[in-house]
All heavy atoms as atom14 arrays in JSON, in Angstrom:
{
  "sequence": "GLSLFLSRSKHRIDRHAARLLTAQFVAVACFVVWPLHFSFGQPEA",
  "atom14_mask": [
    [1, 1, 1, 1, 0, 0, 0, 0, 0, 0, 0, 0, 0, 0],
    [1, 1, 1, 1, 1, 1, 1, 1, 0, 0, 0, 0, 0, 0],
    [1, 1, 1, 1, 1, 1, 0, 0, 0, 0, 0, 0, 0, 0],
    [1, 1, 1, 1, 1, 1, 1, 1, 0, 0, 0, 0, 0, 0],
    [1, 1, 1, 1, 1, 1, 1, 1, 1, 1, 1, 0, 0, 0],
    [1, 1, 1, 1, 1, 1, 1, 1, 0, 0, 0, 0, 0, 0],
    [1, 1, 1, 1, 1, 1, 0, 0, 0, 0, 0, 0, 0, 0],
    [1, 1, 1, 1, 1, 1, 1, 1, 1, 1, 1, 0, 0, 0],
    [1, 1, 1, 1, 1, 1, 0, 0, 0, 0, 0, 0, 0, 0],
    [1, 1, 1, 1, 1, 1, 1, 1, 1, 0, 0, 0, 0, 0],
    [1, 1, 1, 1, 1, 1, 1, 1, 1, 1, 0, 0, 0, 0],
    [1, 1, 1, 1, 1, 1, 1, 1, 1, 1, 1, 0, 0, 0],
    [1, 1, 1, 1, 1, 1, 1, 1, 0, 0, 0, 0, 0, 0],
    [1, 1, 1, 1, 1, 1, 1, 1, 0, 0, 0, 0, 0, 0],
    [1, 1, 1, 1, 1, 1, 1, 1, 1, 1, 1, 0, 0, 0],
    [1, 1, 1, 1, 1, 1, 1, 1, 1, 1, 0, 0, 0, 0],
    [1, 1, 1, 1, 1, 0, 0, 0, 0, 0, 0, 0, 0, 0],
    [1, 1, 1, 1, 1, 0, 0, 0, 0, 0, 0, 0, 0, 0],
    [1, 1, 1, 1, 1, 1, 1, 1, 1, 1, 1, 0, 0, 0],
    [1, 1, 1, 1, 1, 1, 1, 1, 0, 0, 0, 0, 0, 0],
    [1, 1, 1, 1, 1, 1, 1, 1, 0, 0, 0, 0, 0, 0],
    [1, 1, 1, 1, 1, 1, 1, 0, 0, 0, 0, 0, 0, 0],
    [1, 1, 1, 1, 1, 0, 0, 0, 0, 0, 0, 0, 0, 0],
    [1, 1, 1, 1, 1, 1, 1, 1, 1, 0, 0, 0, 0, 0],
    [1, 1, 1, 1, 1, 1, 1, 1, 1, 1, 1, 0, 0, 0],
    [1, 1, 1, 1, 1, 1, 1, 0, 0, 0, 0, 0, 0, 0],
    [1, 1, 1, 1, 1, 0, 0, 0, 0, 0, 0, 0, 0, 0],
    [1, 1, 1, 1, 1, 1, 1, 0, 0, 0, 0, 0, 0, 0],
    [1, 1, 1, 1, 1, 0, 0, 0, 0, 0, 0, 0, 0, 0],
    [1, 1, 1, 1, 1, 1, 0, 0, 0, 0, 0, 0, 0, 0],
    [1, 1, 1, 1, 1, 1, 1, 1, 1, 1, 1, 0, 0, 0],
    [1, 1, 1, 1, 1, 1, 1, 0, 0, 0, 0, 0, 0, 0],
    [1, 1, 1, 1, 1, 1, 1, 0, 0, 0, 0, 0, 0, 0],
    [1, 1, 1, 1, 1, 1, 1, 1, 1, 1, 1, 1, 1, 1],
    [1, 1, 1, 1, 1, 1, 1, 0, 0, 0, 0, 0, 0, 0],
    [1, 1, 1, 1, 1, 1, 1, 1, 0, 0, 0, 0, 0, 0],
    [1, 1, 1, 1, 1, 1, 1, 1, 1, 1, 0, 0, 0, 0],
    [1, 1, 1, 1, 1, 1, 1, 1, 1, 1, 1, 0, 0, 0],
    [1, 1, 1, 1, 1, 1, 0, 0, 0, 0, 0, 0, 0, 0],
    [1, 1, 1, 1, 1, 1, 1, 1, 1, 1, 1, 0, 0, 0],
    [1, 1, 1, 1, 0, 0, 0, 0, 0, 0, 0, 0, 0, 0],
    [1, 1, 1, 1, 1, 1, 1, 1, 1, 0, 0, 0, 0, 0],
    [1, 1, 1, 1, 1, 1, 1, 0, 0, 0, 0, 0, 0, 0],
    [1, 1, 1, 1, 1, 1, 1, 1, 1, 0, 0, 0, 0, 0],
    [1, 1, 1, 1, 1, 0, 0, 0, 0, 0, 0, 0, 0, 0]
  ],
  "atom14_positions": [
    [[-33.08, -45.34, 117.88], [-32.15, -44.33, 118.38], [-31.82, -44.49, 119.86], [-30.67, -44.39, 120.27], [0.0, 0.0, 0.0], [0.0, 0.0, 0.0], [0.0, 0.0, 0.0], [0.0, 0.0, 0.0], [0.0, 0.0, 0.0], [0.0, 0.0, 0.0], [0.0, 0.0, 0.0], [0.0, 0.0, 0.0], [0.0, 0.0, 0.0], [0.0, 0.0, 0.0]],
    [[-32.86, -44.79, 120.65], [-32.68, -44.93, 122.08], [-31.78, -46.12, 122.43], [-31.0, -46.08, 123.41], [-34.02, -45.08, 122.76], [-34.05, -45.2, 124.3], [-33.52, -43.95, 124.94], [-35.46, -45.51, 124.77], [0.0, 0.0, 0.0], [0.0, 0.0, 0.0], [0.0, 0.0, 0.0], [0.0, 0.0, 0.0], [0.0, 0.0, 0.0], [0.0, 0.0, 0.0]],
    [[-31.86, -47.19, 121.64], [-31.14, -48.4, 121.96], [-29.62, -48.19, 122.07], [-28.95, -48.83, 122.88], [-31.44, -49.48, 120.91], [-30.89, -49.14, 119.66], [0.0, 0.0, 0.0], [0.0, 0.0, 0.0], [0.0, 0.0, 0.0], [0.0, 0.0, 0.0], [0.0, 0.0, 0.0], [0.0, 0.0, 0.0], [0.0, 0.0, 0.0], [0.0, 0.0, 0.0]],
    [[-29.11, -47.26, 121.3], [-27.66, -47.05, 121.27], [-27.15, -46.38, 122.56], [-25.94, -46.33, 122.78], [-27.28, -46.18, 120.07], [-27.44, -46.87, 118.71], [-27.43, -45.86, 117.58], [-26.36, -47.92, 118.5], [0.0, 0.0, 0.0], [0.0, 0.0, 0.0], [0.0, 0.0, 0.0], [0.0, 0.0, 0.0], [0.0, 0.0, 0.0], [0.0, 0.0, 0.0]],
    [[-28.07, -45.86, 123.38], [-27.69, -45.16, 124.6], [-28.02, -45.93, 125.88], [-27.94, -45.37, 126.97], [-28.35, -43.79, 124.64], [-27.91, -42.88, 123.54], [-28.55, -42.88, 122.31], [-26.81, -42.03, 123.69], [-28.13, -42.05, 121.26], [-26.4, -41.18, 122.66], [-27.05, -41.21, 121.45], [0.0, 0.0, 0.0], [0.0, 0.0, 0.0], [0.0, 0.0, 0.0]],
    [[-28.36, -47.21, 125.75], [-28.84, -47.96, 126.91], [-27.86, -48.98, 127.44], [-28.25, -49.97, 128.05], [-30.18, -48.63, 126.55], [-31.35, -47.69, 126.29], [-32.61, -48.48, 125.95], [-31.61, -46.8, 127.5], [0.0, 0.0, 0.0], [0.0, 0.0, 0.0], [0.0, 0.0, 0.0], [0.0, 0.0, 0.0], [0.0, 0.0, 0.0], [0.0, 0.0, 0.0]],
    [[-26.59, -48.78, 127.22], [-25.59, -49.69, 127.75], [-24.35, -48.93, 128.13], [-23.97, -47.95, 127.48], [-25.24, -50.79, 126.72], [-24.23, -51.64, 127.23], [0.0, 0.0, 0.0], [0.0, 0.0, 0.0], [0.0, 0.0, 0.0], [0.0, 0.0, 0.0], [0.0, 0.0, 0.0], [0.0, 0.0, 0.0], [0.0, 0.0, 0.0], [0.0, 0.0, 0.0]],
    [[-23.71, -49.38, 129.2], [-22.44, -48.82, 129.6], [-21.27, -49.62, 129.04], [-20.11, -49.31, 129.31], [-22.33, -48.78, 131.14], [-23.28, -47.78, 131.78], [-23.13, -47.76, 133.29], [-24.0, -46.76, 133.9], [-23.66, -45.48, 134.09], [-22.47, -45.07, 133.73], [-24.51, -44.66, 134.66], [0.0, 0.0, 0.0], [0.0, 0.0, 0.0], [0.0, 0.0, 0.0]],
    [[-21.57, -50.68, 128.3], [-20.55, -51.53, 127.72], [-20.24, -51.1, 126.28], [-21.12, -51.16, 125.42], [-21.0, -53.0, 127.74], [-20.17, -53.8, 126.93], [0.0, 0.0, 0.0], [0.0, 0.0, 0.0], [0.0, 0.0, 0.0], [0.0, 0.0, 0.0], [0.0, 0.0, 0.0], [0.0, 0.0, 0.0], [0.0, 0.0, 0.0], [0.0, 0.0, 0.0]],
    [[-19.05, -50.66, 126.04], [-18.64, -50.31, 124.69], [-18.74, -51.52, 123.77], [-19.1, -51.37, 122.6], [-17.22, -49.76, 124.68], [-17.05, -48.43, 125.41], [-15.62, -47.96, 125.38], [-15.46, -46.63, 126.13], [-14.06, -46.14, 126.12], [0.0, 0.0, 0.0], [0.0, 0.0, 0.0], [0.0, 0.0, 0.0], [0.0, 0.0, 0.0], [0.0, 0.0, 0.0]],
    [[-18.39, -52.69, 124.3], [-18.45, -53.91, 123.52], [-19.88, -54.15, 123.0], [-20.1, -54.42, 121.81], [-17.98, -55.1, 124.36], [-18.29, -56.44, 123.76], [-17.51, -57.02, 122.81], [-19.33, -57.29, 123.98], [-18.02, -58.19, 122.49], [-19.13, -58.37, 123.18], [0.0, 0.0, 0.0], [0.0, 0.0, 0.0], [0.0, 0.0, 0.0], [0.0, 0.0, 0.0]],
    [[-20.85, -54.07, 123.89], [-22.24, -54.33, 123.5], [-22.75, -53.29, 122.51], [-23.48, -53.61, 121.58], [-23.14, -54.4, 124.74], [-22.89, -55.63, 125.61], [-23.77, -55.63, 126.83], [-25.19, -55.78, 126.48], [-25.8, -56.96, 126.31], [-25.11, -58.07, 126.41], [-27.09, -56.98, 126.01], [0.0, 0.0, 0.0], [0.0, 0.0, 0.0], [0.0, 0.0, 0.0]],
    [[-22.4, -52.03, 122.74], [-22.83, -50.98, 121.82], [-22.25, -51.23, 120.43], [-22.96, -51.11, 119.41], [-22.39, -49.59, 122.36], [-23.18, -49.25, 123.62], [-22.61, -48.51, 121.29], [-22.69, -47.99, 124.34], [0.0, 0.0, 0.0], [0.0, 0.0, 0.0], [0.0, 0.0, 0.0], [0.0, 0.0, 0.0], [0.0, 0.0, 0.0], [0.0, 0.0, 0.0]],
    [[-20.97, -51.58, 120.37], [-20.34, -51.83, 119.06], [-20.98, -53.02, 118.35], [-21.22, -52.97, 117.14], [-18.85, -52.08, 119.24], [-18.09, -50.82, 119.64], [-18.65, -49.72, 119.51], [-16.91, -50.95, 120.07], [0.0, 0.0, 0.0], [0.0, 0.0, 0.0], [0.0, 0.0, 0.0], [0.0, 0.0, 0.0], [0.0, 0.0, 0.0], [0.0, 0.0, 0.0]],
    [[-21.26, -54.08, 119.11], [-21.87, -55.28, 118.49], [-23.3, -54.96, 118.03], [-23.72, -55.4, 116.95], [-21.87, -56.44, 119.49], [-20.48, -57.01, 119.75], [-19.94, -57.77, 118.54], [-18.57, -58.25, 118.73], [-18.26, -59.38, 119.33], [-19.22, -60.17, 119.8], [-17.0, -59.76, 119.44], [0.0, 0.0, 0.0], [0.0, 0.0, 0.0], [0.0, 0.0, 0.0]],
    [[-24.04, -54.21, 118.83], [-25.41, -53.86, 118.44], [-25.38, -52.97, 117.18], [-26.18, -53.2, 116.25], [-26.07, -53.08, 119.61], [-27.45, -52.61, 119.32], [-28.47, -53.45, 118.89], [-28.01, -51.35, 119.42], [-29.58, -52.74, 118.71], [-29.32, -51.49, 119.03], [0.0, 0.0, 0.0], [0.0, 0.0, 0.0], [0.0, 0.0, 0.0], [0.0, 0.0, 0.0]],
    [[-24.47, -52.03, 117.14], [-24.36, -51.17, 115.96], [-23.94, -52.0, 114.74], [-24.41, -51.74, 113.61], [-23.37, -50.07, 116.23], [0.0, 0.0, 0.0], [0.0, 0.0, 0.0], [0.0, 0.0, 0.0], [0.0, 0.0, 0.0], [0.0, 0.0, 0.0], [0.0, 0.0, 0.0], [0.0, 0.0, 0.0], [0.0, 0.0, 0.0], [0.0, 0.0, 0.0]],
    [[-23.09, -52.99, 114.95], [-22.68, -53.85, 113.83], [-23.88, -54.62, 113.28], [-24.0, -54.83, 112.07], [-21.59, -54.83, 114.28], [0.0, 0.0, 0.0], [0.0, 0.0, 0.0], [0.0, 0.0, 0.0], [0.0, 0.0, 0.0], [0.0, 0.0, 0.0], [0.0, 0.0, 0.0], [0.0, 0.0, 0.0], [0.0, 0.0, 0.0], [0.0, 0.0, 0.0]],
    [[-24.76, -55.05, 114.15], [-26.0, -55.73, 113.71], [-26.84, -54.77, 112.85], [-27.32, -55.16, 111.76], [-26.82, -56.2, 114.91], [-26.21, -57.33, 115.71], [-27.08, -57.64, 116.91], [-26.64, -58.82, 117.63], [-27.26, -59.36, 118.68], [-28.36, -58.75, 119.14], [-26.81, -60.44, 119.27], [0.0, 0.0, 0.0], [0.0, 0.0, 0.0], [0.0, 0.0, 0.0]],
    [[-27.03, -53.56, 113.35], [-27.86, -52.59, 112.61], [-27.23, -52.27, 111.27], [-27.95, -52.15, 110.25], [-28.0, -51.32, 113.44], [-28.7, -51.49, 114.8], [-28.63, -50.17, 115.58], [-30.16, -51.91, 114.65], [0.0, 0.0, 0.0], [0.0, 0.0, 0.0], [0.0, 0.0, 0.0], [0.0, 0.0, 0.0], [0.0, 0.0, 0.0], [0.0, 0.0, 0.0]],
    [[-25.92, -52.13, 111.23], [-25.21, -51.8, 110.01], [-25.31, -52.95, 109.02], [-25.52, -52.73, 107.81], [-23.75, -51.49, 110.34], [-22.92, -50.72, 109.33], [-23.5, -49.36, 109.04], [-21.49, -50.59, 109.84], [0.0, 0.0, 0.0], [0.0, 0.0, 0.0], [0.0, 0.0, 0.0], [0.0, 0.0, 0.0], [0.0, 0.0, 0.0], [0.0, 0.0, 0.0]],
    [[-25.13, -54.18, 109.5], [-25.22, -55.34, 108.63], [-26.6, -55.46, 108.01], [-26.75, -55.74, 106.82], [-24.87, -56.62, 109.42], [-23.57, -56.49, 109.97], [-24.92, -57.84, 108.52], [0.0, 0.0, 0.0], [0.0, 0.0, 0.0], [0.0, 0.0, 0.0], [0.0, 0.0, 0.0], [0.0, 0.0, 0.0], [0.0, 0.0, 0.0], [0.0, 0.0, 0.0]],
    [[-27.64, -55.28, 108.84], [-29.01, -55.36, 108.32], [-29.22, -54.31, 107.24], [-29.87, -54.6, 106.2], [-30.0, -55.15, 109.47], [0.0, 0.0, 0.0], [0.0, 0.0, 0.0], [0.0, 0.0, 0.0], [0.0, 0.0, 0.0], [0.0, 0.0, 0.0], [0.0, 0.0, 0.0], [0.0, 0.0, 0.0], [0.0, 0.0, 0.0], [0.0, 0.0, 0.0]],
    [[-28.73, -53.12, 107.45], [-28.89, -52.05, 106.47], [-28.25, -52.41, 105.13], [-28.89, -52.3, 104.06], [-28.26, -50.76, 107.02], [-28.41, -49.55, 106.11], [-29.85, -49.03, 106.05], [-30.62, -49.25, 106.99], [-30.21, -48.4, 104.97], [0.0, 0.0, 0.0], [0.0, 0.0, 0.0], [0.0, 0.0, 0.0], [0.0, 0.0, 0.0], [0.0, 0.0, 0.0]],
    [[-27.01, -52.84, 105.15], [-26.29, -53.11, 103.9], [-26.86, -54.32, 103.18], [-27.01, -54.3, 101.95], [-24.82, -53.3, 104.17], [-24.04, -52.01, 104.28], [-23.4, -51.68, 105.47], [-24.0, -51.12, 103.22], [-22.7, -50.47, 105.58], [-23.3, -49.92, 103.33], [-22.66, -49.6, 104.5], [0.0, 0.0, 0.0], [0.0, 0.0, 0.0], [0.0, 0.0, 0.0]],
    [[-27.2, -55.37, 103.91], [-27.74, -56.57, 103.25], [-29.11, -56.28, 102.67], [-29.4, -56.66, 101.51], [-27.83, -57.76, 104.26], [-28.55, -58.94, 103.62], [-26.43, -58.16, 104.7], [0.0, 0.0, 0.0], [0.0, 0.0, 0.0], [0.0, 0.0, 0.0], [0.0, 0.0, 0.0], [0.0, 0.0, 0.0], [0.0, 0.0, 0.0], [0.0, 0.0, 0.0]],
    [[-29.96, -55.58, 103.42], [-31.32, -55.27, 102.9], [-31.21, -54.39, 101.67], [-31.89, -54.65, 100.65], [-32.13, -54.58, 103.99], [0.0, 0.0, 0.0], [0.0, 0.0, 0.0], [0.0, 0.0, 0.0], [0.0, 0.0, 0.0], [0.0, 0.0, 0.0], [0.0, 0.0, 0.0], [0.0, 0.0, 0.0], [0.0, 0.0, 0.0], [0.0, 0.0, 0.0]],
    [[-30.41, -53.36, 101.7], [-30.29, -52.45, 100.54], [-29.72, -53.19, 99.34], [-30.17, -52.98, 98.2], [-29.44, -51.23, 100.91], [-29.07, -50.44, 99.67], [-30.17, -50.34, 101.89], [0.0, 0.0, 0.0], [0.0, 0.0, 0.0], [0.0, 0.0, 0.0], [0.0, 0.0, 0.0], [0.0, 0.0, 0.0], [0.0, 0.0, 0.0], [0.0, 0.0, 0.0]],
    [[-28.75, -54.09, 99.58], [-28.23, -54.88, 98.46], [-29.33, -55.72, 97.84], [-29.41, -55.84, 96.59], [-27.09, -55.77, 98.98], [0.0, 0.0, 0.0], [0.0, 0.0, 0.0], [0.0, 0.0, 0.0], [0.0, 0.0, 0.0], [0.0, 0.0, 0.0], [0.0, 0.0, 0.0], [0.0, 0.0, 0.0], [0.0, 0.0, 0.0], [0.0, 0.0, 0.0]],
    [[-30.2, -56.31, 98.63], [-31.35, -57.09, 98.11], [-32.31, -56.18, 97.35], [-32.84, -56.58, 96.3], [-32.05, -57.82, 99.25], [-31.1, -59.13, 100.02], [0.0, 0.0, 0.0], [0.0, 0.0, 0.0], [0.0, 0.0, 0.0], [0.0, 0.0, 0.0], [0.0, 0.0, 0.0], [0.0, 0.0, 0.0], [0.0, 0.0, 0.0], [0.0, 0.0, 0.0]],
    [[-32.57, -54.98, 97.87], [-33.45, -54.05, 97.17], [-32.94, -53.68, 95.79], [-33.73, -53.52, 94.86], [-33.64, -52.76, 97.99], [-34.2, -52.95, 99.36], [-33.95, -52.03, 100.37], [-35.0, -54.05, 99.68], [-34.48, -52.17, 101.63], [-35.51, -54.23, 100.94], [-35.26, -53.28, 101.93], [0.0, 0.0, 0.0], [0.0, 0.0, 0.0], [0.0, 0.0, 0.0]],
    [[-31.62, -53.58, 95.67], [-31.01, -53.2, 94.39], [-31.01, -54.39, 93.44], [-31.34, -54.27, 92.23], [-29.59, -52.67, 94.62], [-28.85, -52.52, 93.3], [-29.62, -51.35, 95.36], [0.0, 0.0, 0.0], [0.0, 0.0, 0.0], [0.0, 0.0, 0.0], [0.0, 0.0, 0.0], [0.0, 0.0, 0.0], [0.0, 0.0, 0.0], [0.0, 0.0, 0.0]],
    [[-30.62, -55.57, 93.95], [-30.53, -56.76, 93.08], [-31.92, -57.29, 92.71], [-32.14, -57.73, 91.56], [-29.71, -57.85, 93.79], [-29.73, -59.14, 93.01], [-28.27, -57.38, 93.98], [0.0, 0.0, 0.0], [0.0, 0.0, 0.0], [0.0, 0.0, 0.0], [0.0, 0.0, 0.0], [0.0, 0.0, 0.0], [0.0, 0.0, 0.0], [0.0, 0.0, 0.0]],
    [[-32.84, -57.24, 93.66], [-34.17, -57.82, 93.44], [-35.24, -56.85, 93.91], [-35.89, -57.08, 94.93], [-34.26, -59.15, 94.21], [-35.49, -59.95, 93.93], [-36.08, -60.16, 92.72], [-36.27, -60.72, 94.88], [-37.19, -60.99, 92.83], [-37.32, -61.33, 94.14], [-36.16, -60.93, 96.24], [-38.27, -62.15, 94.77], [-37.12, -61.74, 96.85], [-38.16, -62.34, 96.13]],
    [[-35.42, -55.77, 93.18], [-36.44, -54.77, 93.6], [-37.86, -55.34, 93.42], [-38.15, -56.04, 92.47], [-36.2, -53.6, 92.66], [-35.55, -54.2, 91.45], [-34.74, -55.35, 91.95], [0.0, 0.0, 0.0], [0.0, 0.0, 0.0], [0.0, 0.0, 0.0], [0.0, 0.0, 0.0], [0.0, 0.0, 0.0], [0.0, 0.0, 0.0], [0.0, 0.0, 0.0]],
    [[-38.72, -55.03, 94.37], [-40.12, -55.43, 94.33], [-41.01, -54.21, 94.54], [-40.57, -53.21, 95.09], [-40.41, -56.49, 95.43], [-39.76, -57.86, 95.25], [-40.02, -58.73, 96.48], [-40.26, -58.54, 94.0], [0.0, 0.0, 0.0], [0.0, 0.0, 0.0], [0.0, 0.0, 0.0], [0.0, 0.0, 0.0], [0.0, 0.0, 0.0], [0.0, 0.0, 0.0]],
    [[-42.26, -54.37, 94.12], [-43.2, -53.25, 94.18], [-44.4, -53.63, 95.03], [-44.92, -54.75, 94.91], [-43.66, -52.88, 92.74], [-44.7, -51.82, 92.69], [-46.0, -52.04, 92.34], [-44.61, -50.49, 92.96], [-46.68, -50.89, 92.38], [-45.86, -49.96, 92.77], [0.0, 0.0, 0.0], [0.0, 0.0, 0.0], [0.0, 0.0, 0.0], [0.0, 0.0, 0.0]],
    [[-44.85, -52.72, 95.9], [-46.08, -52.94, 96.67], [-47.27, -52.6, 95.78], [-47.34, -51.51, 95.19], [-46.09, -52.09, 97.92], [-47.26, -52.38, 98.84], [-47.23, -53.49, 99.68], [-48.38, -51.59, 98.81], [-48.32, -53.77, 100.49], [-49.46, -51.86, 99.63], [-49.43, -52.97, 100.45], [0.0, 0.0, 0.0], [0.0, 0.0, 0.0], [0.0, 0.0, 0.0]],
    [[-48.24, -53.52, 95.69], [-49.26, -53.41, 94.65], [-50.59, -52.82, 95.08], [-51.47, -52.58, 94.26], [-49.53, -54.82, 94.07], [-50.03, -55.7, 95.06], [0.0, 0.0, 0.0], [0.0, 0.0, 0.0], [0.0, 0.0, 0.0], [0.0, 0.0, 0.0], [0.0, 0.0, 0.0], [0.0, 0.0, 0.0], [0.0, 0.0, 0.0], [0.0, 0.0, 0.0]],
    [[-50.8, -52.58, 96.42], [-52.07, -52.02, 96.86], [-52.01, -50.49, 96.88], [-50.96, -49.9, 97.2], [-52.42, -52.47, 98.29], [-52.6, -53.97, 98.44], [-52.72, -54.53, 99.71], [-52.66, -54.82, 97.35], [-52.89, -55.89, 99.87], [-52.82, -56.18, 97.49], [-52.94, -56.71, 98.76], [0.0, 0.0, 0.0], [0.0, 0.0, 0.0], [0.0, 0.0, 0.0]],
    [[-53.13, -49.87, 96.58], [-53.23, -48.45, 96.79], [-53.46, -48.17, 98.27], [-54.24, -48.86, 98.92], [0.0, 0.0, 0.0], [0.0, 0.0, 0.0], [0.0, 0.0, 0.0], [0.0, 0.0, 0.0], [0.0, 0.0, 0.0], [0.0, 0.0, 0.0], [0.0, 0.0, 0.0], [0.0, 0.0, 0.0], [0.0, 0.0, 0.0], [0.0, 0.0, 0.0]],
    [[-52.81, -47.15, 98.79], [-52.92, -46.84, 100.21], [-54.09, -45.86, 100.44], [-54.08, -44.74, 99.9], [-51.63, -46.22, 100.72], [-51.37, -46.38, 102.19], [-49.97, -45.91, 102.55], [-49.64, -44.73, 102.41], [-49.13, -46.86, 102.98], [0.0, 0.0, 0.0], [0.0, 0.0, 0.0], [0.0, 0.0, 0.0], [0.0, 0.0, 0.0], [0.0, 0.0, 0.0]],
    [[-55.13, -46.23, 101.21], [-56.24, -45.34, 101.45], [-55.8, -44.05, 102.17], [-54.73, -43.99, 102.77], [-57.19, -46.15, 102.34], [-56.79, -47.57, 102.1], [-55.3, -47.55, 101.85], [0.0, 0.0, 0.0], [0.0, 0.0, 0.0], [0.0, 0.0, 0.0], [0.0, 0.0, 0.0], [0.0, 0.0, 0.0], [0.0, 0.0, 0.0], [0.0, 0.0, 0.0]],
    [[-56.67, -43.06, 102.1], [-56.37, -41.78, 102.73], [-56.48, -41.88, 104.26], [-57.36, -42.56, 104.78], [-57.35, -40.71, 102.22], [-56.99, -39.28, 102.61], [-55.73, -38.8, 101.91], [-55.38, -39.3, 100.83], [-55.05, -37.93, 102.52], [0.0, 0.0, 0.0], [0.0, 0.0, 0.0], [0.0, 0.0, 0.0], [0.0, 0.0, 0.0], [0.0, 0.0, 0.0]],
    [[-55.56, -41.3, 104.95], [-55.59, -41.25, 106.41], [-55.7, -39.82, 106.87], [-55.25, -38.87, 106.17], [-54.34, -41.9, 106.99], [0.0, 0.0, 0.0], [0.0, 0.0, 0.0], [0.0, 0.0, 0.0], [0.0, 0.0, 0.0], [0.0, 0.0, 0.0], [0.0, 0.0, 0.0], [0.0, 0.0, 0.0], [0.0, 0.0, 0.0], [0.0, 0.0, 0.0]]
  ]
}
């Protein structure tokens, strides 16, 4: 969240946001096409 507020350049903010958006869509597409399961039980914290 902080990263989006650390530049005075609109160009850099837009490109950074495009990276974040691309990662989101590609990752979710992979999760849908090739879902995987984590196999360990998580201990109590």
